[in-house]
Amino acid sequence: MEAQVNQVALPLRSHTILGVCEAIGEDFGFNPVFLRIPFAASVIYSPMLAIGTYLALGLAVMGSRLLFPRKAVNEEQLSQQQLEPANEQQELKRAA
């Protein structure tokens, strides 16, 4: 995956409430829709439980982001790394 230099904080994005599902999806590497659908269904079943769980997960995500911040990647570091395209063929050395 490529590092994104200009990232907006999750709670400040226009399409999220607190960004809990998206943050958990980023941390564990899955699509946040798989978490949003059960939350939407749980709001129908028990709204108070769903909101309480969402806020508790929001506090957990905020705590993890404050305790373990991501390392900032400088543009200089990105330019120093010479990444080869994935579709470029490389020649392999032949054994004698």
Protein backbone atom coordinates (compact mmCIF):
# COMPACT_ATOMS: atom_id res chain seq x y z
CA MET A 1 0.00 0.00 0.00
CA GLU A 2 1.14 3.50 -0.66
CA ALA A 3 1.53 6.06 2.09
CA GLN A 4 -0.76 9.01 1.87
CA VAL A 5 0.93 12.26 2.82
CA ASN A 6 -2.12 14.54 3.11
CA GLN A 7 -4.63 12.84 5.39
CA VAL A 8 -7.55 14.52 7.08
CA ALA A 9 -8.37 13.39 10.61
CA LEU A 10 -11.18 10.83 10.62
CA PRO A 11 -13.68 12.82 12.74
CA LEU A 12 -13.26 15.84 10.44
CA ARG A 13 -14.23 14.02 7.25
CA SER A 14 -17.63 14.94 5.86
CA HIS A 15 -18.83 11.36 5.36
CA THR A 16 -18.19 10.03 8.87
CA ILE A 17 -19.57 10.60 12.36
CA LEU A 18 -16.49 9.78 14.42
CA GLY A 19 -14.69 7.58 11.91
CA VAL A 20 -14.73 4.57 14.22
CA CYS A 21 -15.57 1.94 11.62
CA GLU A 22 -13.10 3.39 9.12
CA ALA A 23 -10.33 3.58 11.74
CA ILE A 24 -10.87 -0.02 12.82
CA GLY A 25 -10.94 -1.07 9.17
CA GLU A 26 -7.64 0.72 8.53
CA ASP A 27 -6.00 -0.76 11.61
CA PHE A 28 -7.04 -4.33 10.89
CA GLY A 29 -6.97 -4.15 7.09
CA PHE A 30 -10.57 -4.78 6.07
CA ASN A 31 -13.34 -2.82 4.39
CA PRO A 32 -15.19 -0.68 6.98
CA VAL A 33 -18.53 -1.47 5.31
CA PHE A 34 -18.31 -4.93 6.89
CA LEU A 35 -18.47 -3.20 10.27
CA ARG A 36 -20.95 -0.48 9.34
CA ILE A 37 -23.66 -2.93 8.26
CA PRO A 38 -23.85 -4.75 11.64
CA PHE A 39 -23.85 -1.39 13.44
CA ALA A 40 -26.76 -0.19 11.29
CA ALA A 41 -28.66 -3.40 12.01
CA SER A 42 -27.96 -3.12 15.73
CA VAL A 43 -29.38 0.42 15.78
CA ILE A 44 -32.72 -1.05 14.70
CA TYR A 45 -32.57 -3.78 17.35
CA SER A 46 -31.24 -1.73 20.30
CA PRO A 47 -30.33 1.91 19.61
CA MET A 48 -28.90 2.66 23.06
CA LEU A 49 -26.66 -0.40 23.00
CA ALA A 50 -25.45 0.41 19.49
CA ILE A 51 -24.70 4.06 20.33
CA GLY A 52 -22.96 3.07 23.56
CA THR A 53 -20.83 0.49 21.74
CA TYR A 54 -19.99 2.98 19.01
CA LEU A 55 -18.91 5.63 21.54
CA ALA A 56 -16.88 3.08 23.52
CA LEU A 57 -15.12 1.95 20.33
CA GLY A 58 -14.56 5.63 19.49
CA LEU A 59 -12.79 6.15 22.82
CA ALA A 60 -10.72 3.00 22.26
CA VAL A 61 -9.69 4.16 18.78
CA MET A 62 -8.84 7.64 20.09
CA GLY A 63 -6.75 6.13 22.88
CA SER A 64 -4.89 3.83 20.51
CA ARG A 65 -4.19 6.69 18.09
CA LEU A 66 -2.90 8.90 20.91
CA LEU A 67 -0.76 6.17 22.49
CA PHE A 68 0.56 4.75 19.24
CA PRO A 69 0.71 7.54 16.63
CA ARG A 70 1.68 6.70 13.08
CA LYS A 71 5.10 7.76 11.98
CA ALA A 72 5.01 10.66 9.56
CA VAL A 73 6.60 9.91 6.20
CA ASN A 74 8.57 12.79 4.75
CA GLU A 75 8.51 13.53 1.05
CA GLU A 76 12.31 13.25 1.07
CA GLN A 77 12.08 9.68 2.34
CA LEU A 78 9.56 8.84 -0.36
CA SER A 79 11.74 10.35 -3.09
CA GLN A 80 14.81 8.49 -1.80
CA GLN A 81 13.05 5.17 -2.10
CA GLN A 82 13.08 4.00 -5.66
CA LEU A 83 10.03 1.82 -6.07
CA GLU A 84 9.76 -0.32 -9.16
CA PRO A 85 6.38 -0.72 -10.82
CA ALA A 86 4.69 -4.02 -10.06
CA ASN A 87 4.21 -4.89 -13.72
CA GLU A 88 7.84 -4.33 -14.72
CA GLN A 89 9.67 -7.51 -15.56
CA GLN A 90 13.01 -8.14 -13.94
CA GLU A 91 15.76 -10.23 -15.42
CA LEU A 92 16.83 -13.13 -13.28
CA LYS A 93 20.40 -14.33 -13.18
CA ARG A 94 20.85 -17.73 -14.71
CA ALA A 95 22.66 -20.45 -12.81
CA ALA A 96 25.67 -21.85 -14.61
